[in-house]
Amino acid sequence: MEQIFKYSLDVNDYQTIRLPEKHEILSVQTQNNRPFMWIKVDASSNDCEVLIITHGTGHTVDEKAKKFIGTYQLDDGFLVFHVFQGD
């Protein structure tokens, strides 16, 4: 059975989150000035670790940043971050 869950993001360059192996990252946005990802998951599948990489505008993009997820803004657009799924 597929469900959509919300996962909080740290404002860090790298973080690892545990997700079911069968997942699809749908969106990244802010809610109450905090970043979150919405992910469709099959909760009956085994868990895996997923590397999430976040870079600010103008920063060098890590070569491990393979799949673009989305962009979010903090502080009324003063800070802009770009989120990738790593390998």
PDB file of N, CA and C in Angstrom:
ATOM      1  N   MET A   1       0.837  -1.178   0.000  1.00  0.00           N
ATOM      2  CA  MET A   1       0.000   0.000   0.000  1.00  0.00           C
ATOM      3  C   MET A   1       0.889   1.252   0.000  1.00  0.00           C
ATOM      4  N   GLU A   2       0.625   2.151  -0.886  1.00  0.00           N
ATOM      5  CA  GLU A   2       1.411   3.383  -0.966  1.00  0.00           C
ATOM      6  C   GLU A   2       0.754   4.478  -0.133  1.00  0.00           C
ATOM      7  N   GLN A   3       1.631   5.266   0.488  1.00  0.00           N
ATOM      8  CA  GLN A   3       1.192   6.393   1.301  1.00  0.00           C
ATOM      9  C   GLN A   3       2.145   7.550   1.042  1.00  0.00           C
ATOM     10  N   ILE A   4       1.722   8.757   1.373  1.00  0.00           N
ATOM     11  CA  ILE A   4       2.606   9.919   1.272  1.00  0.00           C
ATOM     12  C   ILE A   4       2.942  10.376   2.684  1.00  0.00           C
ATOM     13  N   PHE A   5       4.246  10.472   2.950  1.00  0.00           N
ATOM     14  CA  PHE A   5       4.739  10.916   4.250  1.00  0.00           C
ATOM     15  C   PHE A   5       5.558  12.180   4.086  1.00  0.00           C
ATOM     16  N   LYS A   6       5.644  12.928   5.165  1.00  0.00           N
ATOM     17  CA  LYS A   6       6.437  14.152   5.212  1.00  0.00           C
ATOM     18  C   LYS A   6       7.689  13.877   6.050  1.00  0.00           C
ATOM     19  N   TYR A   7       8.843  14.293   5.520  1.00  0.00           N
ATOM     20  CA  TYR A   7      10.124  14.115   6.205  1.00  0.00           C
ATOM     21  C   TYR A   7      10.781  15.483   6.353  1.00  0.00           C
ATOM     22  N   SER A   8      11.239  15.795   7.552  1.00  0.00           N
ATOM     23  CA  SER A   8      11.916  17.073   7.760  1.00  0.00           C
ATOM     24  C   SER A   8      13.335  17.016   7.205  1.00  0.00           C
ATOM     25  N   LEU A   9      13.812  18.144   6.739  1.00  0.00           N
ATOM     26  CA  LEU A   9      15.177  18.272   6.232  1.00  0.00           C
ATOM     27  C   LEU A   9      15.980  19.159   7.169  1.00  0.00           C
ATOM     28  N   ASP A  10      17.226  18.784   7.383  1.00  0.00           N
ATOM     29  CA  ASP A  10      18.160  19.658   8.083  1.00  0.00           C
ATOM     30  C   ASP A  10      18.734  20.637   7.070  1.00  0.00           C
ATOM     31  N   VAL A  11      19.097  21.819   7.522  1.00  0.00           N
ATOM     32  CA  VAL A  11      19.765  22.768   6.634  1.00  0.00           C
ATOM     33  C   VAL A  11      21.264  22.488   6.752  1.00  0.00           C
ATOM     34  N   ASN A  12      21.659  21.337   6.199  1.00  0.00           N
ATOM     35  CA  ASN A  12      23.045  20.859   6.185  1.00  0.00           C
ATOM     36  C   ASN A  12      23.377  20.431   4.766  1.00  0.00           C
ATOM     37  N   ASP A  13      24.665  20.370   4.466  1.00  0.00           N
ATOM     38  CA  ASP A  13      25.065  19.900   3.143  1.00  0.00           C
ATOM     39  C   ASP A  13      24.682  18.446   2.911  1.00  0.00           C
ATOM     40  N   TYR A  14      24.834  17.601   3.936  1.00  0.00           N
ATOM     41  CA  TYR A  14      24.612  16.166   3.778  1.00  0.00           C
ATOM     42  C   TYR A  14      23.790  15.628   4.933  1.00  0.00           C
ATOM     43  N   GLN A  15      22.860  14.753   4.599  1.00  0.00           N
ATOM     44  CA  GLN A  15      22.136  14.011   5.624  1.00  0.00           C
ATOM     45  C   GLN A  15      21.657  12.699   5.026  1.00  0.00           C
ATOM     46  N   THR A  16      21.481  11.724   5.874  1.00  0.00           N
ATOM     47  CA  THR A  16      20.995  10.422   5.450  1.00  0.00           C
ATOM     48  C   THR A  16      19.650  10.199   6.116  1.00  0.00           C
ATOM     49  N   ILE A  17      18.675   9.770   5.313  1.00  0.00           N
ATOM     50  CA  ILE A  17      17.372   9.444   5.883  1.00  0.00           C
ATOM     51  C   ILE A  17      17.028   8.001   5.537  1.00  0.00           C
ATOM     52  N   ARG A  18      16.285   7.360   6.431  1.00  0.00           N
ATOM     53  CA  ARG A  18      15.835   5.987   6.198  1.00  0.00           C
ATOM     54  C   ARG A  18      14.462   6.044   5.562  1.00  0.00           C
ATOM     55  N   LEU A  19      14.347   5.355   4.426  1.00  0.00           N
ATOM     56  CA  LEU A  19      13.099   5.292   3.675  1.00  0.00           C
ATOM     57  C   LEU A  19      12.837   3.854   3.260  1.00  0.00           C
ATOM     58  N   PRO A  20      11.593   3.515   3.000  1.00  0.00           N
ATOM     59  CA  PRO A  20      11.355   2.225   2.356  1.00  0.00           C
ATOM     60  C   PRO A  20      12.039   2.202   0.988  1.00  0.00           C
ATOM     61  N   GLU A  21      12.531   1.037   0.578  1.00  0.00           N
ATOM     62  CA  GLU A  21      13.213   0.919  -0.722  1.00  0.00           C
ATOM     63  C   GLU A  21      12.335   1.396  -1.871  1.00  0.00           C
ATOM     64  N   LYS A  22      11.045   1.115  -1.788  1.00  0.00           N
ATOM     65  CA  LYS A  22      10.106   1.560  -2.815  1.00  0.00           C
ATOM     66  C   LYS A  22       9.588   2.946  -2.414  1.00  0.00           C
ATOM     67  N   HIS A  23      10.194   3.966  -3.006  1.00  0.00           N
ATOM     68  CA  HIS A  23       9.788   5.332  -2.682  1.00  0.00           C
ATOM     69  C   HIS A  23       9.935   6.216  -3.913  1.00  0.00           C
ATOM     70  N   GLU A  24       9.234   7.329  -3.872  1.00  0.00           N
ATOM     71  CA  GLU A  24       9.342   8.342  -4.917  1.00  0.00           C
ATOM     72  C   GLU A  24       9.270   9.706  -4.234  1.00  0.00           C
ATOM     73  N   ILE A  25      10.341  10.470  -4.345  1.00  0.00           N
ATOM     74  CA  ILE A  25      10.357  11.807  -3.745  1.00  0.00           C
ATOM     75  C   ILE A  25       9.514  12.715  -4.630  1.00  0.00           C
ATOM     76  N   LEU A  26       8.493  13.316  -4.049  1.00  0.00           N
ATOM     77  CA  LEU A  26       7.532  14.103  -4.807  1.00  0.00           C
ATOM     78  C   LEU A  26       7.849  15.593  -4.819  1.00  0.00           C
ATOM     79  N   SER A  27       8.248  16.118  -3.659  1.00  0.00           N
ATOM     80  CA  SER A  27       8.373  17.569  -3.560  1.00  0.00           C
ATOM     81  C   SER A  27       9.234  17.951  -2.367  1.00  0.00           C
ATOM     82  N   VAL A  28       9.848  19.117  -2.461  1.00  0.00           N
ATOM     83  CA  VAL A  28      10.517  19.733  -1.317  1.00  0.00           C
ATOM     84  C   VAL A  28       9.983  21.161  -1.231  1.00  0.00           C
ATOM     85  N   GLN A  29       9.571  21.555  -0.026  1.00  0.00           N
ATOM     86  CA  GLN A  29       9.020  22.882   0.206  1.00  0.00           C
ATOM     87  C   GLN A  29       9.257  23.261   1.659  1.00  0.00           C
ATOM     88  N   THR A  30       8.947  24.501   1.966  1.00  0.00           N
ATOM     89  CA  THR A  30       9.000  24.906   3.364  1.00  0.00           C
ATOM     90  C   THR A  30       7.585  24.941   3.941  1.00  0.00           C
ATOM     91  N   GLN A  31       7.525  24.679   5.230  1.00  0.00           N
ATOM     92  CA  GLN A  31       6.289  24.785   5.985  1.00  0.00           C
ATOM     93  C   GLN A  31       6.672  25.401   7.323  1.00  0.00           C
ATOM     94  N   ASN A  32       6.070  26.526   7.646  1.00  0.00           N
ATOM     95  CA  ASN A  32       6.423  27.259   8.868  1.00  0.00           C
ATOM     96  C   ASN A  32       7.918  27.584   8.906  1.00  0.00           C
ATOM     97  N   ASN A  33       8.454  27.973   7.754  1.00  0.00           N
ATOM     98  CA  ASN A  33       9.860  28.370   7.577  1.00  0.00           C
ATOM     99  C   ASN A  33      10.851  27.250   7.896  1.00  0.00           C
ATOM    100  N   ARG A  34      10.421  25.986   7.702  1.00  0.00           N
ATOM    101  CA  ARG A  34      11.294  24.827   7.853  1.00  0.00           C
ATOM    102  C   ARG A  34      11.171  23.965   6.601  1.00  0.00           C
ATOM    103  N   PRO A  35      12.289  23.377   6.122  1.00  0.00           N
ATOM    104  CA  PRO A  35      12.234  22.557   4.911  1.00  0.00           C
ATOM    105  C   PRO A  35      11.736  21.133   5.183  1.00  0.00           C
ATOM    106  N   PHE A  36      10.917  20.646   4.237  1.00  0.00           N
ATOM    107  CA  PHE A  36      10.386  19.286   4.308  1.00  0.00           C
ATOM    108  C   PHE A  36      10.385  18.676   2.913  1.00  0.00           C
ATOM    109  N   MET A  37      10.376  17.335   2.870  1.00  0.00           N
ATOM    110  CA  MET A  37      10.162  16.597   1.633  1.00  0.00           C
ATOM    111  C   MET A  37       8.904  15.765   1.802  1.00  0.00           C
ATOM    112  N   TRP A  38       8.134  15.661   0.726  1.00  0.00           N
ATOM    113  CA  TRP A  38       6.981  14.778   0.694  1.00  0.00           C
ATOM    114  C   TRP A  38       7.344  13.615  -0.207  1.00  0.00           C
ATOM    115  N   ILE A  39       7.161  12.406   0.327  1.00  0.00           N
ATOM    116  CA  ILE A  39       7.646  11.209  -0.355  1.00  0.00           C
ATOM    117  C   ILE A  39       6.549  10.147  -0.367  1.00  0.00           C
ATOM    118  N   LYS A  40       6.291   9.617  -1.561  1.00  0.00           N
ATOM    119  CA  LYS A  40       5.352   8.492  -1.694  1.00  0.00           C
ATOM    120  C   LYS A  40       6.135   7.218  -1.406  1.00  0.00           C
ATOM    121  N   VAL A  41       5.649   6.422  -0.470  1.00  0.00           N
ATOM    122  CA  VAL A  41       6.376   5.219  -0.061  1.00  0.00           C
ATOM    123  C   VAL A  41       5.452   4.007  -0.060  1.00  0.00           C
ATOM    124  N   ASP A  42       6.069   2.851  -0.248  1.00  0.00           N
ATOM    125  CA  ASP A  42       5.407   1.580   0.003  1.00  0.00           C
ATOM    126  C   ASP A  42       5.977   1.089   1.329  1.00  0.00           C
ATOM    127  N   ALA A  43       5.238   1.341   2.402  1.00  0.00           N
ATOM    128  CA  ALA A  43       5.741   1.061   3.749  1.00  0.00           C
ATOM    129  C   ALA A  43       5.983  -0.425   3.999  1.00  0.00           C
ATOM    130  N   SER A  44       5.471  -1.291   3.120  1.00  0.00           N
ATOM    131  CA  SER A  44       5.690  -2.725   3.312  1.00  0.00           C
ATOM    132  C   SER A  44       7.050  -3.177   2.778  1.00  0.00           C
ATOM    133  N   SER A  45       7.766  -2.303   2.054  1.00  0.00           N
ATOM    134  CA  SER A  45       9.081  -2.680   1.531  1.00  0.00           C
ATOM    135  C   SER A  45      10.163  -2.452   2.593  1.00  0.00           C
ATOM    136  N   ASN A  46      11.298  -3.100   2.404  1.00  0.00           N
ATOM    137  CA  ASN A  46      12.418  -2.973   3.338  1.00  0.00           C
ATOM    138  C   ASN A  46      12.960  -1.554   3.331  1.00  0.00           C
ATOM    139  N   ASP A  47      13.550  -1.158   4.461  1.00  0.00           N
ATOM    140  CA  ASP A  47      14.147   0.168   4.563  1.00  0.00           C
ATOM    141  C   ASP A  47      15.515   0.225   3.897  1.00  0.00           C
ATOM    142  N   CYS A  48      15.888   1.420   3.480  1.00  0.00           N
ATOM    143  CA  CYS A  48      17.222   1.683   2.952  1.00  0.00           C
ATOM    144  C   CYS A  48      17.626   3.084   3.407  1.00  0.00           C
ATOM    145  N   GLU A  49      18.893   3.401   3.259  1.00  0.00           N
ATOM    146  CA  GLU A  49      19.377   4.739   3.589  1.00  0.00           C
ATOM    147  C   GLU A  49      19.531   5.536   2.308  1.00  0.00           C
ATOM    148  N   VAL A  50      19.066   6.775   2.322  1.00  0.00           N
ATOM    149  CA  VAL A  50      19.116   7.653   1.160  1.00  0.00           C
ATOM    150  C   VAL A  50      19.908   8.898   1.541  1.00  0.00           C
ATOM    151  N   LEU A  51      20.904   9.224   0.718  1.00  0.00           N
ATOM    152  CA  LEU A  51      21.719  10.411   0.939  1.00  0.00           C
ATOM    153  C   LEU A  51      21.019  11.619   0.320  1.00  0.00           C
ATOM    154  N   ILE A  52      20.832  12.648   1.121  1.00  0.00           N
ATOM    155  CA  ILE A  52      20.242  13.903   0.662  1.00  0.00           C
ATOM    156  C   ILE A  52      21.327  14.973   0.747  1.00  0.00           C
ATOM    157  N   ILE A  53      21.530  15.681  -0.354  1.00  0.00           N
ATOM    158  CA  ILE A  53      22.563  16.712  -0.438  1.00  0.00           C
ATOM    159  C   ILE A  53      21.878  18.046  -0.703  1.00  0.00           C
ATOM    160  N   THR A  54      22.226  19.050   0.097  1.00  0.00           N
ATOM    161  CA  THR A  54      21.638  20.382  -0.042  1.00  0.00           C
ATOM    162  C   THR A  54      22.751  21.388  -0.265  1.00  0.00           C
ATOM    163  N   HIS A  55      22.610  22.198  -1.313  1.00  0.00           N
ATOM    164  CA  HIS A  55      23.594  23.237  -1.613  1.00  0.00           C
ATOM    165  C   HIS A  55      22.892  24.575  -1.771  1.00  0.00           C
ATOM    166  N   GLY A  56      23.521  25.613  -1.266  1.00  0.00           N
ATOM    167  CA  GLY A  56      23.005  26.956  -1.464  1.00  0.00           C
ATOM    168  C   GLY A  56      23.364  27.459  -2.857  1.00  0.00           C
ATOM    169  N   THR A  57      22.625  28.437  -3.318  1.00  0.00           N
ATOM    170  CA  THR A  57      22.923  29.057  -4.607  1.00  0.00           C
ATOM    171  C   THR A  57      24.346  29.601  -4.592  1.00  0.00           C
ATOM    172  N   GLY A  58      25.098  29.314  -5.649  1.00  0.00           N
ATOM    173  CA  GLY A  58      26.476  29.777  -5.761  1.00  0.00           C
ATOM    174  C   GLY A  58      27.498  28.827  -5.183  1.00  0.00           C
ATOM    175  N   HIS A  59      27.049  27.802  -4.477  1.00  0.00           N
ATOM    176  CA  HIS A  59      27.975  26.820  -3.902  1.00  0.00           C
ATOM    177  C   HIS A  59      28.329  25.772  -4.954  1.00  0.00           C
ATOM    178  N   THR A  60      29.472  25.136  -4.790  1.00  0.00           N
ATOM    179  CA  THR A  60      29.885  24.063  -5.689  1.00  0.00           C
ATOM    180  C   THR A  60      28.999  22.845  -5.469  1.00  0.00           C
ATOM    181  N   VAL A  61      28.550  22.227  -6.553  1.00  0.00           N
ATOM    182  CA  VAL A  61      27.688  21.052  -6.471  1.00  0.00           C
ATOM    183  C   VAL A  61      28.561  19.805  -6.391  1.00  0.00           C
ATOM    184  N   ASP A  62      28.328  19.009  -5.359  1.00  0.00           N
ATOM    185  CA  ASP A  62      29.066  17.765  -5.149  1.00  0.00           C
ATOM    186  C   ASP A  62      28.773  16.797  -6.291  1.00  0.00           C
ATOM    187  N   GLU A  63      29.790  16.055  -6.733  1.00  0.00           N
ATOM    188  CA  GLU A  63      29.599  15.088  -7.819  1.00  0.00           C
ATOM    189  C   GLU A  63      28.674  13.946  -7.421  1.00  0.00           C
ATOM    190  N   LYS A  64      28.448  13.748  -6.123  1.00  0.00           N
ATOM    191  CA  LYS A  64      27.518  12.713  -5.660  1.00  0.00           C
ATOM    192  C   LYS A  64      26.060  13.148  -5.804  1.00  0.00           C
ATOM    193  N   ALA A  65      25.813  14.421  -6.081  1.00  0.00           N
ATOM    194  CA  ALA A  65      24.451  14.947  -6.225  1.00  0.00           C
ATOM    195  C   ALA A  65      23.918  14.549  -7.595  1.00  0.00           C
ATOM    196  N   LYS A  66      23.213  13.433  -7.661  1.00  0.00           N
ATOM    197  CA  LYS A  66      22.812  12.848  -8.944  1.00  0.00           C
ATOM    198  C   LYS A  66      21.431  13.264  -9.416  1.00  0.00           C
ATOM    199  N   LYS A  67      20.462  13.305  -8.527  1.00  0.00           N
ATOM    200  CA  LYS A  67      19.084  13.546  -8.951  1.00  0.00           C
ATOM    201  C   LYS A  67      18.548  14.791  -8.246  1.00  0.00           C
ATOM    202  N   PHE A  68      18.193  15.804  -9.026  1.00  0.00           N
ATOM    203  CA  PHE A  68      17.624  17.026  -8.464  1.00  0.00           C
ATOM    204  C   PHE A  68      16.230  16.742  -7.921  1.00  0.00           C
ATOM    205  N   ILE A  69      15.983  17.203  -6.683  1.00  0.00           N
ATOM    206  CA  ILE A  69      14.682  17.010  -6.049  1.00  0.00           C
ATOM    207  C   ILE A  69      13.863  18.293  -6.095  1.00  0.00           C
ATOM    208  N   GLY A  70      14.489  19.401  -5.731  1.00  0.00           N
ATOM    209  CA  GLY A  70      13.746  20.656  -5.716  1.00  0.00           C
ATOM    210  C   GLY A  70      14.528  21.755  -5.041  1.00  0.00           C
ATOM    211  N   THR A  71      13.915  22.927  -5.002  1.00  0.00           N
ATOM    212  CA  THR A  71      14.516  24.126  -4.420  1.00  0.00           C
ATOM    213  C   THR A  71      13.566  24.681  -3.372  1.00  0.00           C
ATOM    214  N   TYR A  72      14.126  25.169  -2.271  1.00  0.00           N
ATOM    215  CA  TYR A  72      13.304  25.852  -1.274  1.00  0.00           C
ATOM    216  C   TYR A  72      14.005  27.120  -0.824  1.00  0.00           C
ATOM    217  N   GLN A  73      13.204  28.024  -0.261  1.00  0.00           N
ATOM    218  CA  GLN A  73      13.722  29.311   0.196  1.00  0.00           C
ATOM    219  C   GLN A  73      13.402  29.502   1.677  1.00  0.00           C
ATOM    220  N   LEU A  74      14.323  30.167   2.377  1.00  0.00           N
ATOM    221  CA  LEU A  74      14.126  30.540   3.772  1.00  0.00           C
ATOM    222  C   LEU A  74      14.324  32.045   3.912  1.00  0.00           C
ATOM    223  N   ASP A  75      13.886  32.585   5.023  1.00  0.00           N
ATOM    224  CA  ASP A  75      14.054  34.008   5.345  1.00  0.00           C
ATOM    225  C   ASP A  75      13.542  34.901   4.210  1.00  0.00           C
ATOM    226  N   ASP A  76      12.286  34.652   3.817  1.00  0.00           N
ATOM    227  CA  ASP A  76      11.629  35.454   2.772  1.00  0.00           C
ATOM    228  C   ASP A  76      12.408  35.486   1.473  1.00  0.00           C
ATOM    229  N   GLY A  77      13.055  34.376   1.128  1.00  0.00           N
ATOM    230  CA  GLY A  77      13.768  34.263  -0.137  1.00  0.00           C
ATOM    231  C   GLY A  77      15.212  34.725  -0.083  1.00  0.00           C
ATOM    232  N   PHE A  78      15.685  35.178   1.065  1.00  0.00           N
ATOM    233  CA  PHE A  78      17.076  35.623   1.183  1.00  0.00           C
ATOM    234  C   PHE A  78      18.034  34.441   1.038  1.00  0.00           C
ATOM    235  N   LEU A  79      17.651  33.269   1.551  1.00  0.00           N
ATOM    236  CA  LEU A  79      18.462  32.056   1.442  1.00  0.00           C
ATOM    237  C   LEU A  79      17.753  31.077   0.517  1.00  0.00           C
ATOM    238  N   VAL A  80      18.461  30.568  -0.500  1.00  0.00           N
ATOM    239  CA  VAL A  80      17.884  29.646  -1.461  1.00  0.00           C
ATOM    240  C   VAL A  80      18.743  28.385  -1.493  1.00  0.00           C
ATOM    241  N   PHE A  81      18.089  27.228  -1.316  1.00  0.00           N
ATOM    242  CA  PHE A  81      18.785  25.952  -1.255  1.00  0.00           C
ATOM    243  C   PHE A  81      18.235  25.001  -2.324  1.00  0.00           C
ATOM    244  N   HIS A  82      19.126  24.164  -2.847  1.00  0.00           N
ATOM    245  CA  HIS A  82      18.796  23.208  -3.899  1.00  0.00           C
ATOM    246  C   HIS A  82      19.101  21.817  -3.374  1.00  0.00           C
ATOM    247  N   VAL A  83      18.130  20.919  -3.480  1.00  0.00           N
ATOM    248  CA  VAL A  83      18.205  19.604  -2.849  1.00  0.00           C
ATOM    249  C   VAL A  83      18.343  18.521  -3.908  1.00  0.00           C
ATOM    250  N   PHE A  84      19.280  17.583  -3.664  1.00  0.00           N
ATOM    251  CA  PHE A  84      19.560  16.484  -4.565  1.00  0.00           C
ATOM    252  C   PHE A  84      19.554  15.170  -3.807  1.00  0.00           C
ATOM    253  N   GLN A  85      19.238  14.099  -4.516  1.00  0.00           N
ATOM    254  CA  GLN A  85      19.439  12.762  -3.968  1.00  0.00           C
ATOM    255  C   GLN A  85      20.799  12.301  -4.422  1.00  0.00           C
ATOM    256  N   GLY A  86      21.604  11.833  -3.496  1.00  0.00           N
ATOM    257  CA  GLY A  86      22.961  11.398  -3.819  1.00  0.00           C
ATOM    258  C   GLY A  86      23.023   9.911  -4.086  1.00  0.00           C
ATOM    259  N   ASP A  87      24.216   9.485  -4.503  1.00  0.00           N
ATOM    260  CA  ASP A  87      24.413   8.043  -4.707  1.00  0.00           C
ATOM    261  C   ASP A  87      25.331   7.502  -3.666  1.00  0.00           C
TER     262      ASP A  87
END
